[in-house]
């Protein structure tokens, strides 16, 4: 399932790395691209959308 989220408080590459790790913690096979410039996170995953949003939120980021 392809998901795209806007994460307004993703400011740098360390932020994107944290978000990628959070998503991969719930789905190790997920393909994740996080771009701090556009604030967009593109995810290809088998995990439920709600679970992915929750993982990003727990990592300390806002999902718009």
N, C-alpha and C. Protein backbone atom coordinates (compact mmCIF):
# COMPACT_ATOMS: atom_id res chain seq x y z
N UNK A 1 0.85 -1.17 0.00
CA UNK A 1 0.00 0.00 0.00
C UNK A 1 0.89 1.23 0.00
N UNK A 2 0.62 2.15 -0.89
CA UNK A 2 1.41 3.39 -0.98
C UNK A 2 0.75 4.46 -0.12
N UNK A 3 1.56 5.07 0.73
CA UNK A 3 1.07 6.14 1.60
C UNK A 3 1.95 7.36 1.40
N UNK A 4 1.35 8.55 1.57
CA UNK A 4 2.15 9.78 1.55
C UNK A 4 1.64 10.67 2.67
N UNK A 5 2.57 11.15 3.49
CA UNK A 5 2.22 12.03 4.60
C UNK A 5 3.05 13.29 4.52
N UNK A 6 2.47 14.39 5.02
CA UNK A 6 3.22 15.61 5.23
C UNK A 6 3.59 15.64 6.71
N UNK A 7 4.89 15.87 6.96
CA UNK A 7 5.39 15.94 8.34
C UNK A 7 6.02 17.32 8.51
N UNK A 8 5.22 18.30 8.98
CA UNK A 8 5.70 19.69 8.99
C UNK A 8 6.91 19.94 9.88
N UNK A 9 7.11 19.14 10.93
CA UNK A 9 8.25 19.39 11.81
C UNK A 9 9.46 18.51 11.51
N UNK A 10 9.53 17.94 10.29
CA UNK A 10 10.73 17.22 9.84
C UNK A 10 11.67 18.28 9.26
N UNK A 11 12.78 18.53 9.96
CA UNK A 11 13.61 19.67 9.61
C UNK A 11 14.94 19.31 8.94
N UNK A 12 15.42 18.08 9.13
CA UNK A 12 16.76 17.76 8.63
C UNK A 12 16.87 16.28 8.30
N UNK A 13 18.03 15.88 7.83
CA UNK A 13 18.21 14.48 7.45
C UNK A 13 18.16 13.56 8.67
N UNK A 14 18.55 14.05 9.83
CA UNK A 14 18.44 13.23 11.05
C UNK A 14 16.98 12.96 11.37
N UNK A 15 16.13 13.96 11.14
CA UNK A 15 14.68 13.78 11.33
C UNK A 15 14.16 12.70 10.38
N UNK A 16 14.56 12.80 9.12
CA UNK A 16 14.08 11.81 8.14
C UNK A 16 14.58 10.42 8.51
N UNK A 17 15.80 10.30 8.99
CA UNK A 17 16.33 9.00 9.41
C UNK A 17 15.51 8.42 10.56
N UNK A 18 15.13 9.28 11.50
CA UNK A 18 14.32 8.83 12.65
C UNK A 18 12.97 8.32 12.18
N UNK A 19 12.35 9.04 11.24
CA UNK A 19 11.05 8.64 10.72
C UNK A 19 11.16 7.31 9.96
N UNK A 20 12.20 7.18 9.15
CA UNK A 20 12.41 5.93 8.41
C UNK A 20 12.57 4.76 9.39
N UNK A 21 13.36 4.96 10.44
CA UNK A 21 13.57 3.89 11.43
C UNK A 21 12.27 3.54 12.14
N UNK A 22 11.45 4.55 12.43
CA UNK A 22 10.17 4.30 13.12
C UNK A 22 9.25 3.45 12.26
N UNK A 23 9.19 3.75 10.97
CA UNK A 23 8.33 2.97 10.06
C UNK A 23 8.88 1.56 9.90
N UNK A 24 10.19 1.44 9.75
CA UNK A 24 10.79 0.11 9.57
C UNK A 24 10.69 -0.74 10.83
N UNK A 25 10.49 -0.11 11.98
CA UNK A 25 10.32 -0.87 13.22
C UNK A 25 9.01 -1.66 13.19
N UNK A 26 7.98 -1.12 12.51
CA UNK A 26 6.71 -1.85 12.44
C UNK A 26 6.60 -2.67 11.16
N UNK A 27 7.37 -2.30 10.12
CA UNK A 27 7.39 -3.08 8.88
C UNK A 27 8.80 -3.05 8.31
N UNK A 28 9.62 -4.05 8.66
CA UNK A 28 11.02 -4.06 8.21
C UNK A 28 11.18 -4.05 6.69
N UNK A 29 10.15 -4.48 5.95
CA UNK A 29 10.23 -4.52 4.50
C UNK A 29 9.71 -3.26 3.82
N UNK A 30 9.31 -2.29 4.60
CA UNK A 30 8.75 -1.05 4.03
C UNK A 30 9.80 -0.29 3.23
N UNK A 31 9.35 0.34 2.15
CA UNK A 31 10.21 1.24 1.38
C UNK A 31 9.80 2.66 1.81
N UNK A 32 10.76 3.41 2.35
CA UNK A 32 10.44 4.72 2.91
C UNK A 32 11.36 5.79 2.32
N UNK A 33 10.77 6.87 1.87
CA UNK A 33 11.53 8.05 1.43
C UNK A 33 11.01 9.24 2.22
N UNK A 34 11.90 9.91 2.94
CA UNK A 34 11.52 11.08 3.73
C UNK A 34 12.38 12.25 3.28
N UNK A 35 11.73 13.32 2.83
CA UNK A 35 12.44 14.48 2.29
C UNK A 35 12.19 15.70 3.16
N UNK A 36 13.21 16.12 3.93
CA UNK A 36 13.02 17.28 4.82
C UNK A 36 12.73 18.59 4.07
N UNK A 37 13.17 18.68 2.83
CA UNK A 37 12.92 19.92 2.07
C UNK A 37 11.44 20.09 1.74
N UNK A 38 10.80 19.00 1.30
CA UNK A 38 9.39 19.09 0.92
C UNK A 38 8.47 18.72 2.08
N UNK A 39 9.05 18.16 3.16
CA UNK A 39 8.28 17.69 4.33
C UNK A 39 7.41 16.48 4.00
N UNK A 40 7.69 15.80 2.88
CA UNK A 40 6.88 14.65 2.47
C UNK A 40 7.57 13.33 2.83
N UNK A 41 6.74 12.38 3.27
CA UNK A 41 7.20 11.02 3.54
C UNK A 41 6.40 10.09 2.65
N UNK A 42 7.07 9.38 1.75
CA UNK A 42 6.43 8.40 0.87
C UNK A 42 6.78 7.01 1.41
N UNK A 43 5.74 6.20 1.58
CA UNK A 43 5.93 4.88 2.19
C UNK A 43 5.20 3.83 1.37
N UNK A 44 5.89 2.74 1.09
CA UNK A 44 5.27 1.55 0.49
C UNK A 44 5.35 0.47 1.57
N UNK A 45 4.19 0.08 2.10
CA UNK A 45 4.18 -0.82 3.25
C UNK A 45 2.96 -1.73 3.24
N UNK A 46 3.06 -2.80 4.01
CA UNK A 46 1.92 -3.68 4.24
C UNK A 46 1.23 -3.34 5.57
N UNK A 47 1.84 -2.45 6.35
CA UNK A 47 1.26 -2.07 7.64
C UNK A 47 0.05 -1.16 7.43
N UNK A 48 -0.84 -1.15 8.40
CA UNK A 48 -2.03 -0.30 8.34
C UNK A 48 -1.63 1.17 8.44
N UNK A 49 -2.38 2.02 7.73
CA UNK A 49 -2.09 3.46 7.73
C UNK A 49 -2.07 4.02 9.15
N UNK A 50 -3.03 3.61 9.97
CA UNK A 50 -3.09 4.11 11.36
C UNK A 50 -1.85 3.73 12.14
N UNK A 51 -1.33 2.52 11.91
CA UNK A 51 -0.13 2.07 12.62
C UNK A 51 1.09 2.89 12.19
N UNK A 52 1.18 3.20 10.91
CA UNK A 52 2.30 3.99 10.40
C UNK A 52 2.25 5.41 10.98
N UNK A 53 1.07 6.01 10.98
CA UNK A 53 0.92 7.36 11.56
C UNK A 53 1.30 7.35 13.03
N UNK A 54 0.85 6.31 13.75
CA UNK A 54 1.16 6.21 15.17
C UNK A 54 2.66 6.08 15.40
N UNK A 55 3.34 5.29 14.58
CA UNK A 55 4.79 5.12 14.74
C UNK A 55 5.52 6.44 14.54
N UNK A 56 5.10 7.22 13.54
CA UNK A 56 5.73 8.52 13.28
C UNK A 56 5.46 9.48 14.43
N UNK A 57 4.23 9.45 14.95
CA UNK A 57 3.86 10.33 16.07
C UNK A 57 4.65 9.97 17.32
N UNK A 58 4.77 8.67 17.59
CA UNK A 58 5.54 8.22 18.78
C UNK A 58 7.00 8.64 18.66
N UNK A 59 7.51 8.69 17.41
CA UNK A 59 8.90 9.12 17.20
C UNK A 59 9.07 10.63 17.44
N UNK A 60 7.96 11.34 17.64
CA UNK A 60 8.05 12.75 17.99
C UNK A 60 7.68 13.71 16.87
N UNK A 61 7.03 13.22 15.84
CA UNK A 61 6.70 14.06 14.69
C UNK A 61 5.20 14.17 14.49
N UNK A 62 4.80 15.27 13.86
CA UNK A 62 3.40 15.53 13.59
C UNK A 62 3.08 15.06 12.17
N UNK A 63 2.01 14.31 12.01
CA UNK A 63 1.55 13.90 10.68
C UNK A 63 0.36 14.76 10.31
N UNK A 64 0.53 15.56 9.26
CA UNK A 64 -0.55 16.48 8.86
C UNK A 64 -1.51 15.77 7.91
